Amino acid sequence: MAAQTKKQQLKEIEYQTRMLNNLKKWIRNLIILSSCGMGIAYWAIKIQEGLMFNIIGGVSIVLVTACVIGCVIIGLALKRGQENVNKIVQIVQS
């Protein structure tokens, strides 16, 4: 990797911080979506009766599972991205 100037490194820190904030928004949205899915699943499976409501409940459970998996993956990306930003900050400070 070619040596970067301090100005380029500061730009990179700013850019990566912006992208990490975008990932935080995605996690927030996935948590909201999974919460709605849990409510719909409970309503469809426990309160209502019939095949259609069981199908809606099953689809909601799949949605919740996908959202939780997405949160785990994005959380890992956030952790690794923050570590990367911290490394760049240490380089800039030295």
Protein backbone atom coordinates (compact mmCIF):
# COMPACT_ATOMS: atom_id res chain seq x y z
CA MET A 1 0.00 0.00 0.00
CA ALA A 2 1.33 3.40 -0.92
CA ALA A 3 2.04 5.82 1.88
CA GLN A 4 -0.85 8.18 2.48
CA THR A 5 -0.58 11.79 3.50
CA LYS A 6 -2.09 12.95 6.76
CA LYS A 7 -4.82 14.77 4.83
CA GLN A 8 -5.79 11.58 3.00
CA GLN A 9 -5.86 9.64 6.24
CA LEU A 10 -8.12 12.23 7.87
CA LYS A 11 -10.45 12.03 4.86
CA GLU A 12 -10.48 8.26 5.19
CA ILE A 13 -11.36 8.51 8.89
CA GLU A 14 -14.22 10.88 8.08
CA TYR A 15 -15.51 8.63 5.29
CA GLN A 16 -15.35 5.44 7.35
CA THR A 17 -17.02 7.13 10.31
CA ARG A 18 -19.88 8.19 8.02
CA MET A 19 -20.22 4.62 6.75
CA LEU A 20 -20.22 3.27 10.32
CA ASN A 21 -23.05 5.67 11.15
CA ASN A 22 -24.95 4.31 8.14
CA LEU A 23 -24.48 0.77 9.48
CA LYS A 24 -25.87 1.90 12.85
CA LYS A 25 -28.98 3.16 11.05
CA TRP A 26 -29.35 -0.20 9.31
CA ILE A 27 -29.15 -2.02 12.65
CA ARG A 28 -31.79 0.32 14.11
CA ASN A 29 -34.09 -0.34 11.14
CA LEU A 30 -33.60 -4.11 11.37
CA ILE A 31 -34.39 -4.07 15.09
CA ILE A 32 -37.60 -2.12 14.42
CA LEU A 33 -38.54 -4.51 11.60
CA SER A 34 -37.90 -7.58 13.75
CA SER A 35 -39.99 -6.09 16.57
CA CYS A 36 -42.88 -5.52 14.18
CA GLY A 37 -42.43 -9.06 12.88
CA MET A 38 -42.61 -10.44 16.42
CA GLY A 39 -45.84 -8.56 17.04
CA ILE A 40 -47.37 -9.79 13.80
CA ALA A 41 -46.23 -13.37 14.48
CA TYR A 42 -47.76 -13.31 17.97
CA TRP A 43 -50.99 -11.81 16.66
CA ALA A 44 -51.27 -14.27 13.78
CA ILE A 45 -50.35 -17.45 15.65
CA LYS A 46 -51.72 -16.92 19.16
CA ILE A 47 -54.70 -14.61 18.79
CA GLN A 48 -56.13 -15.55 15.38
CA GLU A 49 -57.07 -18.97 14.08
CA GLY A 50 -56.88 -20.51 10.64
CA LEU A 51 -54.41 -21.61 8.02
CA MET A 52 -53.88 -18.15 6.55
CA PHE A 53 -52.93 -16.71 9.92
CA ASN A 54 -50.51 -19.59 10.54
CA ILE A 55 -48.84 -18.84 7.20
CA ILE A 56 -48.61 -15.13 8.08
CA GLY A 57 -47.12 -16.07 11.45
CA GLY A 58 -44.58 -18.39 9.81
CA VAL A 59 -43.52 -15.72 7.33
CA SER A 60 -43.17 -13.26 10.20
CA ILE A 61 -40.94 -15.68 12.11
CA VAL A 62 -38.73 -16.07 9.03
CA LEU A 63 -38.57 -12.26 8.74
CA VAL A 64 -37.55 -11.94 12.39
CA THR A 65 -34.87 -14.59 11.95
CA ALA A 66 -33.47 -12.83 8.87
CA CYS A 67 -33.42 -9.50 10.72
CA VAL A 68 -31.56 -10.99 13.69
CA ILE A 69 -28.98 -12.59 11.39
CA GLY A 70 -28.60 -9.25 9.59
CA CYS A 71 -28.06 -7.49 12.93
CA VAL A 72 -25.34 -9.96 13.87
CA ILE A 73 -23.55 -9.53 10.54
CA ILE A 74 -23.81 -5.74 10.60
CA GLY A 75 -22.71 -5.70 14.25
CA LEU A 76 -19.59 -7.62 13.28
CA ALA A 77 -18.96 -5.17 10.43
CA LEU A 78 -19.36 -2.27 12.87
CA LYS A 79 -16.86 -3.81 15.27
CA ARG A 80 -14.27 -4.44 12.57
CA GLY A 81 -14.84 -1.03 11.00
CA GLN A 82 -14.38 0.75 14.31
CA GLU A 83 -11.15 -1.18 14.89
CA ASN A 84 -9.96 -0.06 11.47
CA VAL A 85 -10.80 3.59 12.21
CA ASN A 86 -8.95 3.33 15.53
CA LYS A 87 -5.86 2.00 13.72
CA ILE A 88 -5.91 4.90 11.27
CA VAL A 89 -6.31 7.38 14.15
CA GLN A 90 -3.27 5.87 15.87
CA ILE A 91 -1.26 6.21 12.66
CA VAL A 92 -2.30 9.84 12.26
CA GLN A 93 -1.45 10.65 15.89
CA SER A 94 2.03 9.18 15.69
